C-alpha atoms as a PDB file:
ATOM      1  CA  MET A   1       0.000   0.000   0.000  1.00  0.00           C
ATOM      2  CA  ILE A   2       0.854   3.561  -0.005  1.00  0.00           C
ATOM      3  CA  ARG A   3       2.967   4.830   2.707  1.00  0.00           C
ATOM      4  CA  PHE A   4       3.555   8.322   3.681  1.00  0.00           C
ATOM      5  CA  SER A   5       7.096   9.480   4.012  1.00  0.00           C
ATOM      6  CA  PHE A   6       7.859  12.973   5.040  1.00  0.00           C
ATOM      7  CA  PRO A   7      11.231  13.344   3.238  1.00  0.00           C
ATOM      8  CA  THR A   8       9.582  12.113   0.029  1.00  0.00           C
ATOM      9  CA  PHE A   9       6.775  14.585   0.532  1.00  0.00           C
ATOM     10  CA  ILE A  10       9.241  17.437   0.972  1.00  0.00           C
ATOM     11  CA  PHE A  11      11.280  16.305  -1.984  1.00  0.00           C
ATOM     12  CA  GLN A  12       8.157  16.060  -4.172  1.00  0.00           C
ATOM     13  CA  THR A  13       6.936  19.443  -2.965  1.00  0.00           C
ATOM     14  CA  ILE A  14      10.306  21.018  -3.811  1.00  0.00           C
ATOM     15  CA  ASN A  15      10.295  19.191  -7.109  1.00  0.00           C
ATOM     16  CA  PHE A  16       6.764  20.473  -7.798  1.00  0.00           C
ATOM     17  CA  LEU A  17       7.734  24.036  -6.895  1.00  0.00           C
ATOM     18  CA  VAL A  18      10.856  23.905  -9.074  1.00  0.00           C
ATOM     19  CA  THR A  19       8.775  22.546 -11.939  1.00  0.00           C
ATOM     20  CA  LEU A  20       6.226  25.297 -11.396  1.00  0.00           C
ATOM     21  CA  TYR A  21       8.993  27.905 -11.386  1.00  0.00           C
ATOM     22  CA  LEU A  22      10.515  26.464 -14.568  1.00  0.00           C
ATOM     23  CA  ILE A  23       7.121  26.330 -16.275  1.00  0.00           C
ATOM     24  CA  TYR A  24       6.426  29.892 -15.122  1.00  0.00           C
ATOM     25  CA  ARG A  25       9.852  31.102 -16.212  1.00  0.00           C
ATOM     26  CA  PHE A  26      10.177  29.284 -19.569  1.00  0.00           C
ATOM     27  CA  VAL A  27       6.592  28.661 -20.667  1.00  0.00           C
ATOM     28  CA  TYR A  28       4.103  30.935 -18.945  1.00  0.00           C
ATOM     29  CA  LYS A  29       6.120  34.163 -19.015  1.00  0.00           C
ATOM     30  CA  PRO A  30       7.065  33.938 -22.761  1.00  0.00           C
ATOM     31  CA  LEU A  31       3.559  32.758 -23.561  1.00  0.00           C
ATOM     32  CA  ALA A  32       2.072  35.650 -21.550  1.00  0.00           C
ATOM     33  CA  ASN A  33       4.444  38.083 -23.281  1.00  0.00           C
ATOM     34  CA  TYR A  34       3.517  36.651 -26.680  1.00  0.00           C
ATOM     35  CA  ILE A  35      -0.189  36.856 -25.897  1.00  0.00           C
ATOM     36  CA  SER A  36       0.227  40.395 -24.582  1.00  0.00           C
ATOM     37  CA  LYS A  37       2.147  41.455 -27.671  1.00  0.00           C
ATOM     38  CA  ARG A  38      -0.411  39.700 -29.880  1.00  0.00           C
ATOM     39  CA  GLN A  39      -3.259  41.490 -28.095  1.00  0.00           C
ATOM     40  CA  GLU A  40      -1.442  44.791 -28.467  1.00  0.00           C
ATOM     41  CA  THR A  41      -0.824  44.088 -32.184  1.00  0.00           C
ATOM     42  CA  ILE A  42      -4.477  43.150 -32.710  1.00  0.00           C
ATOM     43  CA  HIS A  43      -5.562  46.242 -30.778  1.00  0.00           C
ATOM     44  CA  ASN A  44      -3.242  48.444 -32.884  1.00  0.00           C
ATOM     45  CA  GLU A  45      -4.449  46.841 -36.105  1.00  0.00           C
ATOM     46  CA  LEU A  46      -8.067  47.317 -35.069  1.00  0.00           C
ATOM     47  CA  GLU A  47      -7.330  50.947 -34.168  1.00  0.00           C
ATOM     48  CA  GLN A  48      -5.535  51.443 -37.479  1.00  0.00           C
ATOM     49  CA  ALA A  49      -8.430  49.781 -39.348  1.00  0.00           C
ATOM     50  CA  ARG A  50     -10.877  52.076 -37.525  1.00  0.00           C
ATOM     51  CA  MET A  51      -8.794  55.118 -38.469  1.00  0.00           C
ATOM     52  CA  GLU A  52      -8.551  53.922 -42.067  1.00  0.00           C
ATOM     53  CA  ARG A  53     -12.321  53.374 -42.133  1.00  0.00           C
ATOM     54  CA  GLU A  54     -12.848  56.911 -40.775  1.00  0.00           C
ATOM     55  CA  LYS A  55     -10.459  58.303 -43.392  1.00  0.00           C
ATOM     56  CA  ALA A  56     -12.232  56.310 -46.098  1.00  0.00           C
ATOM     57  CA  GLU A  57     -15.596  57.597 -44.881  1.00  0.00           C
ATOM     58  CA  ALA A  58     -14.286  61.173 -44.849  1.00  0.00           C
ATOM     59  CA  LEU A  59     -12.887  60.700 -48.362  1.00  0.00           C
ATOM     60  CA  ARG A  60     -16.182  59.189 -49.524  1.00  0.00           C
ATOM     61  CA  ILE A  61     -18.089  62.173 -48.133  1.00  0.00           C
ATOM     62  CA  GLU A  62     -15.583  64.570 -49.700  1.00  0.00           C
ATOM     63  CA  TYR A  63     -15.844  62.804 -53.063  1.00  0.00           C
ATOM     64  CA  GLU A  64     -19.637  62.817 -52.883  1.00  0.00           C
ATOM     65  CA  GLU A  65     -19.548  66.565 -52.197  1.00  0.00           C
ATOM     66  CA  LYS A  66     -17.123  67.083 -55.055  1.00  0.00           C
ATOM     67  CA  LEU A  67     -19.326  64.951 -57.300  1.00  0.00           C
ATOM     68  CA  LYS A  68     -22.380  67.018 -56.343  1.00  0.00           C
ATOM     69  CA  GLU A  69     -20.415  70.199 -56.968  1.00  0.00           C
ATOM     70  CA  ALA A  70     -19.224  68.856 -60.331  1.00  0.00           C
ATOM     71  CA  GLN A  71     -22.799  67.931 -61.232  1.00  0.00           C
ATOM     72  CA  LYS A  72     -23.962  71.420 -60.294  1.00  0.00           C
ATOM     73  CA  ARG A  73     -21.147  72.946 -62.348  1.00  0.00           C
ATOM     74  CA  ALA A  74     -22.019  70.698 -65.275  1.00  0.00           C
ATOM     75  CA  GLU A  75     -25.666  71.699 -64.993  1.00  0.00           C
ATOM     76  CA  SER A  76     -24.757  75.376 -64.832  1.00  0.00           C
ATOM     77  CA  ILE A  77     -22.442  74.972 -67.823  1.00  0.00           C
ATOM     78  CA  ILE A  78     -25.225  73.216 -69.733  1.00  0.00           C
ATOM     79  CA  GLU A  79     -27.694  75.943 -68.757  1.00  0.00           C
ATOM     80  CA  GLU A  80     -25.220  78.629 -69.808  1.00  0.00           C
ATOM     81  CA  ALA A  81     -24.635  76.835 -73.108  1.00  0.00           C
ATOM     82  CA  LYS A  82     -28.387  76.562 -73.665  1.00  0.00           C
ATOM     83  CA  ARG A  83     -28.839  80.241 -72.846  1.00  0.00           C
ATOM     84  CA  GLN A  84     -25.959  81.202 -75.141  1.00  0.00           C
ATOM     85  CA  ALA A  85     -27.351  78.995 -77.923  1.00  0.00           C
ATOM     86  CA  GLU A  86     -30.793  80.558 -77.484  1.00  0.00           C
ATOM     87  CA  LEU A  87     -29.253  84.024 -77.609  1.00  0.00           C
ATOM     88  CA  GLU A  88     -27.305  83.169 -80.751  1.00  0.00           C
ATOM     89  CA  ARG A  89     -30.428  81.620 -82.293  1.00  0.00           C
ATOM     90  CA  ALA A  90     -32.380  84.797 -81.525  1.00  0.00           C
ATOM     91  CA  GLN A  91     -29.592  86.941 -83.000  1.00  0.00           C
ATOM     92  CA  ILE A  92     -29.426  84.784 -86.129  1.00  0.00           C
ATOM     93  CA  LEU A  93     -33.213  84.905 -86.513  1.00  0.00           C
ATOM     94  CA  ASP A  94     -33.212  88.669 -85.971  1.00  0.00           C
ATOM     95  CA  ARG A  95     -30.434  89.139 -88.525  1.00  0.00           C
ATOM     96  CA  ALA A  96     -32.236  86.849 -90.991  1.00  0.00           C
ATOM     97  CA  ASN A  97     -35.494  88.747 -90.471  1.00  0.00           C
ATOM     98  CA  ARG A  98     -33.747  92.082 -91.049  1.00  0.00           C
ATOM     99  CA  GLU A  99     -32.067  90.749 -94.186  1.00  0.00           C
ATOM    100  CA  ALA A 100     -35.360  89.318 -95.423  1.00  0.00           C
ATOM    101  CA  GLN A 101     -37.097  92.621 -94.701  1.00  0.00           C
ATOM    102  CA  ALA A 102     -34.346  94.505 -96.535  1.00  0.00           C
ATOM    103  CA  LEU A 103     -34.652  92.126 -99.499  1.00  0.00           C
ATOM    104  CA  LEU A 104     -38.420  92.507 -99.463  1.00  0.00           C
ATOM    105  CA  THR A 105     -38.156  96.300 -99.318  1.00  0.00           C
ATOM    106  CA  ARG A 106     -35.580  96.308-102.104  1.00  0.00           C
ATOM    107  CA  ALA A 107     -37.783  93.993-104.200  1.00  0.00           C
ATOM    108  CA  GLN A 108     -40.819  96.200-103.577  1.00  0.00           C
ATOM    109  CA  ASN A 109     -38.846  99.298-104.548  1.00  0.00           C
ATOM    110  CA  GLU A 110     -37.626  97.573-107.677  1.00  0.00           C
ATOM    111  CA  LEU A 111     -41.179  96.504-108.493  1.00  0.00           C
ATOM    112  CA  LEU A 112     -42.443 100.064-108.008  1.00  0.00           C
ATOM    113  CA  LEU A 113     -39.653 101.378-110.193  1.00  0.00           C
ATOM    114  CA  GLU A 114     -40.374  98.767-112.845  1.00  0.00           C
ATOM    115  CA  ARG A 115     -44.075  99.592-112.623  1.00  0.00           C
ATOM    116  CA  ARG A 116     -43.372 103.300-113.070  1.00  0.00           C
ATOM    117  CA  HIS A 117     -41.125 102.545-116.023  1.00  0.00           C
ATOM    118  CA  ALA A 118     -43.793 100.298-117.506  1.00  0.00           C
ATOM    119  CA  ILE A 119     -46.468 102.964-116.975  1.00  0.00           C
ATOM    120  CA  GLU A 120     -44.202 105.602-118.538  1.00  0.00           C
ATOM    121  CA  LYS A 121     -43.511 103.336-121.503  1.00  0.00           C
ATOM    122  CA  PHE A 122     -47.196 102.529-121.784  1.00  0.00           C
ATOM    123  CA  LYS A 123     -48.059 106.237-121.697  1.00  0.00           C
ATOM    124  CA  GLU A 124     -45.408 106.975-124.321  1.00  0.00           C
ATOM    125  CA  GLU A 125     -46.768 104.224-126.581  1.00  0.00           C
ATOM    126  CA  ILE A 126     -50.357 105.394-126.073  1.00  0.00           C
ATOM    127  CA  VAL A 127     -49.358 108.973-126.740  1.00  0.00           C
ATOM    128  CA  GLY A 128     -47.508 107.819-129.864  1.00  0.00           C
ATOM    129  CA  LEU A 129     -50.528 105.802-131.018  1.00  0.00           C
ATOM    130  CA  ILE A 130     -52.893 108.649-130.258  1.00  0.00           C
ATOM    131  CA  MET A 131     -50.663 111.057-132.126  1.00  0.00           C
ATOM    132  CA  ASP A 132     -50.475 108.711-135.085  1.00  0.00           C
ATOM    133  CA  LEU A 133     -54.240 108.252-135.065  1.00  0.00           C
ATOM    134  CA  THR A 134     -54.798 111.911-134.520  1.00  0.00           C
ATOM    135  CA  ALA A 135     -52.432 112.788-137.287  1.00  0.00           C
ATOM    136  CA  LYS A 136     -54.267 110.404-139.588  1.00  0.00           C
ATOM    137  CA  LEU A 137     -57.574 111.770-138.405  1.00  0.00           C
ATOM    138  CA  ILE A 138     -56.391 115.287-138.849  1.00  0.00           C
ATOM    139  CA  ILE A 139     -55.198 114.555-142.330  1.00  0.00           C
ATOM    140  CA  THR A 140     -58.477 112.951-143.239  1.00  0.00           C
ATOM    141  CA  GLU A 141     -60.448 115.700-141.572  1.00  0.00           C
ATOM    142  CA  LEU A 142     -58.376 118.392-143.169  1.00  0.00           C
ATOM    143  CA  ASN A 143     -59.343 116.954-146.381  1.00  0.00           C
ATOM    144  CA  ASN A 144     -62.989 117.016-145.276  1.00  0.00           C
ATOM    145  CA  LYS A 145     -63.505 120.126-143.257  1.00  0.00           C
ATOM    146  CA  ASP A 146     -61.261 122.889-142.021  1.00  0.00           C
ATOM    147  CA  GLU A 147     -63.501 123.892-139.135  1.00  0.00           C
ATOM    148  CA  LEU A 148     -63.842 120.433-137.716  1.00  0.00           C
ATOM    149  CA  LYS A 149     -60.120 120.001-138.052  1.00  0.00           C
ATOM    150  CA  GLU A 150     -59.442 122.984-135.869  1.00  0.00           C
ATOM    151  CA  LYS A 151     -61.848 121.753-133.194  1.00  0.00           C
ATOM    152  CA  ILE A 152     -60.288 118.300-133.050  1.00  0.00           C
ATOM    153  CA  LEU A 153     -56.816 119.752-132.971  1.00  0.00           C
ATOM    154  CA  GLU A 154     -57.736 122.011-130.059  1.00  0.00           C
ATOM    155  CA  GLU A 155     -59.319 119.132-128.125  1.00  0.00           C
ATOM    156  CA  TYR A 156     -56.286 116.993-128.778  1.00  0.00           C
ATOM    157  CA  LEU A 157     -53.898 119.672-127.612  1.00  0.00           C
ATOM    158  CA  GLU A 158     -55.928 120.180-124.449  1.00  0.00           C
ATOM    159  CA  ARG A 159     -55.801 116.452-123.668  1.00  0.00           C
ATOM    160  CA  VAL A 160     -52.097 116.259-124.300  1.00  0.00           C
ATOM    161  CA  LYS A 161     -51.509 119.203-122.017  1.00  0.00           C
ATOM    162  CA  SER A 162     -53.591 117.665-119.250  1.00  0.00           C
ATOM    163  CA  ASN A 163     -51.668 114.374-119.377  1.00  0.00           C
END
């Protein structure tokens, strides 16, 4: 059976304490240091990841603001271009209307001038025809009657003067 011996108990207790010291010194302490360093590394990495996430969020917000600003600028540029195009269109239409009006006025003036020339020519031809007819009439009338000839000649002269 098992017997109790005090010197064995002391020796085993010392042996146990030495083993505990050696385990503490060569296993637990390096392991605790490793775990502590690992925890610190993980904590630092988590802190760095949090900071990076905050920076990324700040950059995202900044880029969104810049994108909104760029969209507003693009819209204002488009609006300005539309306004400028409308202004140019109005100027072109105004210029075209003025040119068309000038052409129309010039054409009307030319038509009036042509009409006057045509009327003058027509009058000249009518006067020439009337004179020819009158001359023929006068010649025939002179042959017929001197009195009647004078009357017709006077009437003719009065008409020519009035025209």
